[in-house]
Structures are given as structure tokens and as C-alpha cells.
Amino acid sequence: MSENELNRALRVVATAAATTQDSWLTVNEAAEIAGFKVNTMYTMCLRRVLPSYKIGEKMRRIKKTDLIAWLESNRVEARRA
């Protein structure tokens, strides 16, 4: 993912967080917000890299605040030239 794509995703996430209260996202919705493929999101949930909640046998949900916090915690500062 390029720096521009990541910045765009972070802006989208920040805007969504500012306009809504904590809500539950499907893995597809979380992938769209984060800019990842759905399979990547499932893998991160299964490996417990990203917090998620298993509902029933097959459904997974991700709290929007957890997704935003995870994205922000993985931020890497750019080097100064």
C-alpha cells in the first residue's frame, strides 16, 4: 500500500470516527475502510493481530473504534530528508 493510499484510508477512518459513535463493522466493511483485501482482514482477525468478535460459528465483527485504534497504532513516521 502506497503512502498516499494509506493517508487516504486514515482520512476516511478519521472522518467516519468523528461522525458516528462506536459501531460494529463486518469484515468487508472494515476492509473497505482500511483499504485492505477482505482475505487479509480475515487473516489478521484469525491471527489476533486485529481485535475482532466472533458471533456464532461463522460471523466476525470488528468495532470501528478498535479498527481506528489499530490503524493509528501502526503508523510509521516518515523520515526527514
N, C-alpha and C. Protein backbone atom coordinates (compact mmCIF):
# COMPACT_ATOMS: atom_id res chain seq x y z
N MET A 1 0.85 -1.16 0.00
CA MET A 1 0.00 0.00 0.00
C MET A 1 0.90 1.23 0.00
N SER A 2 0.63 2.16 -0.91
CA SER A 2 1.47 3.34 -1.00
C SER A 2 1.13 4.32 0.12
N GLU A 3 1.99 5.29 0.32
CA GLU A 3 1.79 6.28 1.38
C GLU A 3 0.52 7.09 1.11
N ASN A 4 0.27 7.44 -0.15
CA ASN A 4 -0.94 8.20 -0.49
C ASN A 4 -2.20 7.40 -0.18
N GLU A 5 -2.19 6.10 -0.50
CA GLU A 5 -3.35 5.25 -0.21
C GLU A 5 -3.58 5.13 1.28
N LEU A 6 -2.49 4.99 2.03
CA LEU A 6 -2.61 4.88 3.48
C LEU A 6 -3.14 6.18 4.08
N ASN A 7 -2.64 7.31 3.62
CA ASN A 7 -3.13 8.60 4.11
C ASN A 7 -4.60 8.78 3.79
N ARG A 8 -5.02 8.35 2.59
CA ARG A 8 -6.42 8.44 2.21
C ARG A 8 -7.28 7.58 3.13
N ALA A 9 -6.81 6.37 3.40
CA ALA A 9 -7.55 5.46 4.27
C ALA A 9 -7.66 6.04 5.68
N LEU A 10 -6.58 6.62 6.18
CA LEU A 10 -6.62 7.21 7.52
C LEU A 10 -7.58 8.39 7.58
N ARG A 11 -7.63 9.20 6.52
CA ARG A 11 -8.58 10.32 6.48
C ARG A 11 -10.01 9.81 6.50
N VAL A 12 -10.27 8.75 5.72
CA VAL A 12 -11.61 8.16 5.69
C VAL A 12 -12.00 7.64 7.06
N VAL A 13 -11.07 6.96 7.71
CA VAL A 13 -11.34 6.39 9.03
C VAL A 13 -11.56 7.51 10.04
N ALA A 14 -10.74 8.54 10.01
CA ALA A 14 -10.88 9.65 10.95
C ALA A 14 -12.22 10.37 10.76
N THR A 15 -12.62 10.56 9.52
CA THR A 15 -13.90 11.20 9.23
C THR A 15 -15.05 10.35 9.73
N ALA A 16 -14.98 9.06 9.48
CA ALA A 16 -16.03 8.15 9.93
C ALA A 16 -16.11 8.13 11.45
N ALA A 17 -14.98 8.16 12.11
CA ALA A 17 -14.97 8.13 13.57
C ALA A 17 -15.54 9.41 14.16
N ALA A 18 -15.29 10.50 13.50
CA ALA A 18 -15.77 11.78 14.01
C ALA A 18 -17.28 11.93 13.86
N THR A 19 -17.86 11.24 12.90
CA THR A 19 -19.28 11.44 12.61
C THR A 19 -20.19 10.39 13.22
N THR A 20 -19.65 9.29 13.72
CA THR A 20 -20.50 8.25 14.27
C THR A 20 -19.98 7.76 15.61
N GLN A 21 -20.86 7.17 16.38
CA GLN A 21 -20.45 6.54 17.62
C GLN A 21 -19.90 5.16 17.29
N ASP A 22 -19.43 4.48 18.32
CA ASP A 22 -18.89 3.15 18.11
C ASP A 22 -19.95 2.25 17.48
N SER A 23 -19.57 1.64 16.38
CA SER A 23 -20.50 0.73 15.71
C SER A 23 -19.74 -0.52 15.31
N TRP A 24 -20.52 -1.55 14.96
CA TRP A 24 -19.95 -2.83 14.56
C TRP A 24 -19.84 -2.87 13.05
N LEU A 25 -18.70 -3.35 12.57
CA LEU A 25 -18.45 -3.46 11.14
C LEU A 25 -18.34 -4.93 10.76
N THR A 26 -18.79 -5.25 9.57
CA THR A 26 -18.49 -6.57 9.03
C THR A 26 -17.03 -6.54 8.59
N VAL A 27 -16.49 -7.70 8.33
CA VAL A 27 -15.10 -7.76 7.87
C VAL A 27 -14.97 -7.05 6.52
N ASN A 28 -15.98 -7.18 5.67
CA ASN A 28 -15.97 -6.49 4.37
C ASN A 28 -15.94 -4.98 4.55
N GLU A 29 -16.76 -4.46 5.47
CA GLU A 29 -16.79 -3.01 5.71
C GLU A 29 -15.46 -2.53 6.28
N ALA A 30 -14.90 -3.29 7.21
CA ALA A 30 -13.61 -2.93 7.80
C ALA A 30 -12.50 -2.94 6.75
N ALA A 31 -12.55 -3.92 5.85
CA ALA A 31 -11.54 -3.99 4.78
C ALA A 31 -11.65 -2.78 3.87
N GLU A 32 -12.87 -2.37 3.56
CA GLU A 32 -13.07 -1.21 2.69
C GLU A 32 -12.54 0.07 3.35
N ILE A 33 -12.81 0.23 4.64
CA ILE A 33 -12.34 1.42 5.36
C ILE A 33 -10.81 1.43 5.44
N ALA A 34 -10.23 0.27 5.76
CA ALA A 34 -8.78 0.19 5.95
C ALA A 34 -8.01 0.14 4.64
N GLY A 35 -8.69 -0.22 3.56
CA GLY A 35 -8.01 -0.31 2.27
C GLY A 35 -7.28 -1.62 2.07
N PHE A 36 -7.71 -2.67 2.77
CA PHE A 36 -7.12 -3.99 2.64
C PHE A 36 -8.08 -4.92 1.91
N LYS A 37 -7.55 -6.03 1.44
CA LYS A 37 -8.41 -7.06 0.87
C LYS A 37 -9.13 -7.78 2.01
N VAL A 38 -10.31 -8.31 1.69
CA VAL A 38 -11.12 -9.00 2.70
C VAL A 38 -10.36 -10.18 3.29
N ASN A 39 -9.68 -10.96 2.46
CA ASN A 39 -8.92 -12.11 2.96
C ASN A 39 -7.83 -11.68 3.94
N THR A 40 -7.20 -10.54 3.68
CA THR A 40 -6.17 -10.03 4.58
C THR A 40 -6.78 -9.69 5.94
N MET A 41 -7.96 -9.08 5.92
CA MET A 41 -8.63 -8.73 7.18
C MET A 41 -8.98 -9.99 7.97
N TYR A 42 -9.52 -11.01 7.29
CA TYR A 42 -9.83 -12.26 7.97
C TYR A 42 -8.57 -12.88 8.58
N THR A 43 -7.48 -12.86 7.83
CA THR A 43 -6.22 -13.42 8.33
C THR A 43 -5.75 -12.67 9.57
N MET A 44 -5.83 -11.34 9.55
CA MET A 44 -5.42 -10.55 10.71
C MET A 44 -6.30 -10.84 11.92
N CYS A 45 -7.59 -11.04 11.69
CA CYS A 45 -8.51 -11.39 12.79
C CYS A 45 -8.17 -12.77 13.36
N LEU A 46 -7.97 -13.75 12.47
CA LEU A 46 -7.68 -15.11 12.92
C LEU A 46 -6.35 -15.20 13.65
N ARG A 47 -5.38 -14.41 13.24
CA ARG A 47 -4.07 -14.40 13.90
C ARG A 47 -4.04 -13.49 15.12
N ARG A 48 -5.17 -12.87 15.40
CA ARG A 48 -5.34 -11.96 16.53
C ARG A 48 -4.43 -10.74 16.46
N VAL A 49 -4.14 -10.31 15.25
CA VAL A 49 -3.41 -9.07 15.04
C VAL A 49 -4.36 -7.90 15.19
N LEU A 50 -5.58 -8.08 14.74
CA LEU A 50 -6.64 -7.08 14.79
C LEU A 50 -7.75 -7.60 15.70
N PRO A 51 -8.17 -6.82 16.70
CA PRO A 51 -9.24 -7.29 17.58
C PRO A 51 -10.54 -7.51 16.80
N SER A 52 -11.19 -8.62 17.06
CA SER A 52 -12.48 -8.91 16.42
C SER A 52 -13.31 -9.75 17.36
N TYR A 53 -14.57 -9.88 17.03
CA TYR A 53 -15.52 -10.62 17.86
C TYR A 53 -16.18 -11.67 16.99
N LYS A 54 -16.19 -12.88 17.47
CA LYS A 54 -16.82 -13.98 16.75
C LYS A 54 -18.26 -14.10 17.23
N ILE A 55 -19.17 -14.02 16.30
CA ILE A 55 -20.59 -14.10 16.62
C ILE A 55 -21.12 -15.38 15.97
N GLY A 56 -21.56 -16.30 16.80
CA GLY A 56 -21.99 -17.58 16.27
C GLY A 56 -20.78 -18.38 15.80
N GLU A 57 -20.99 -19.25 14.83
CA GLU A 57 -19.88 -20.08 14.35
C GLU A 57 -19.07 -19.42 13.25
N LYS A 58 -19.70 -18.58 12.44
CA LYS A 58 -19.00 -18.08 11.25
C LYS A 58 -18.86 -16.57 11.17
N MET A 59 -19.71 -15.82 11.84
CA MET A 59 -19.68 -14.36 11.68
C MET A 59 -18.61 -13.71 12.54
N ARG A 60 -17.95 -12.73 11.99
CA ARG A 60 -16.99 -11.90 12.73
C ARG A 60 -17.41 -10.45 12.58
N ARG A 61 -17.21 -9.71 13.65
CA ARG A 61 -17.48 -8.28 13.64
C ARG A 61 -16.28 -7.57 14.24
N ILE A 62 -16.08 -6.33 13.80
CA ILE A 62 -14.97 -5.51 14.28
C ILE A 62 -15.56 -4.18 14.73
N LYS A 63 -15.20 -3.75 15.93
CA LYS A 63 -15.65 -2.44 16.38
C LYS A 63 -14.89 -1.38 15.61
N LYS A 64 -15.62 -0.36 15.18
CA LYS A 64 -14.99 0.71 14.42
C LYS A 64 -13.88 1.37 15.23
N THR A 65 -14.10 1.57 16.53
CA THR A 65 -13.06 2.20 17.35
C THR A 65 -11.82 1.32 17.46
N ASP A 66 -12.00 -0.01 17.50
CA ASP A 66 -10.86 -0.93 17.52
C ASP A 66 -10.06 -0.83 16.22
N LEU A 67 -10.77 -0.75 15.10
CA LEU A 67 -10.10 -0.64 13.80
C LEU A 67 -9.30 0.65 13.71
N ILE A 68 -9.90 1.75 14.13
CA ILE A 68 -9.22 3.05 14.07
C ILE A 68 -7.99 3.04 14.98
N ALA A 69 -8.16 2.52 16.19
CA ALA A 69 -7.03 2.46 17.12
C ALA A 69 -5.90 1.60 16.57
N TRP A 70 -6.27 0.47 15.94
CA TRP A 70 -5.26 -0.40 15.37
C TRP A 70 -4.52 0.29 14.22
N LEU A 71 -5.25 0.98 13.35
CA LEU A 71 -4.61 1.69 12.25
C LEU A 71 -3.66 2.76 12.77
N GLU A 72 -4.11 3.51 13.75
CA GLU A 72 -3.27 4.58 14.30
C GLU A 72 -2.06 4.04 15.05
N SER A 73 -2.19 2.89 15.69
CA SER A 73 -1.07 2.32 16.44
C SER A 73 0.01 1.77 15.52
N ASN A 74 -0.31 1.54 14.27
CA ASN A 74 0.65 1.01 13.31
C ASN A 74 1.24 2.09 12.40
N ARG A 75 1.06 3.32 12.77
CA ARG A 75 1.58 4.43 11.99
C ARG A 75 3.09 4.48 12.12
N VAL A 76 3.76 4.71 11.01
CA VAL A 76 5.20 4.85 11.00
C VAL A 76 5.53 6.24 10.49
N GLU A 77 6.31 6.95 11.27
CA GLU A 77 6.69 8.32 10.92
C GLU A 77 7.61 8.31 9.71
N ALA A 78 7.42 9.29 8.85
CA ALA A 78 8.28 9.43 7.68
C ALA A 78 9.63 9.98 8.10
N ARG A 79 10.65 9.58 7.39
CA ARG A 79 11.99 10.11 7.68
C ARG A 79 12.11 11.51 7.11
N ARG A 80 12.80 12.34 7.83
CA ARG A 80 13.07 13.70 7.36
C ARG A 80 14.28 13.66 6.43
N ALA A 81 14.17 14.29 5.31
CA ALA A 81 15.27 14.28 4.34
C ALA A 81 16.28 15.36 4.63
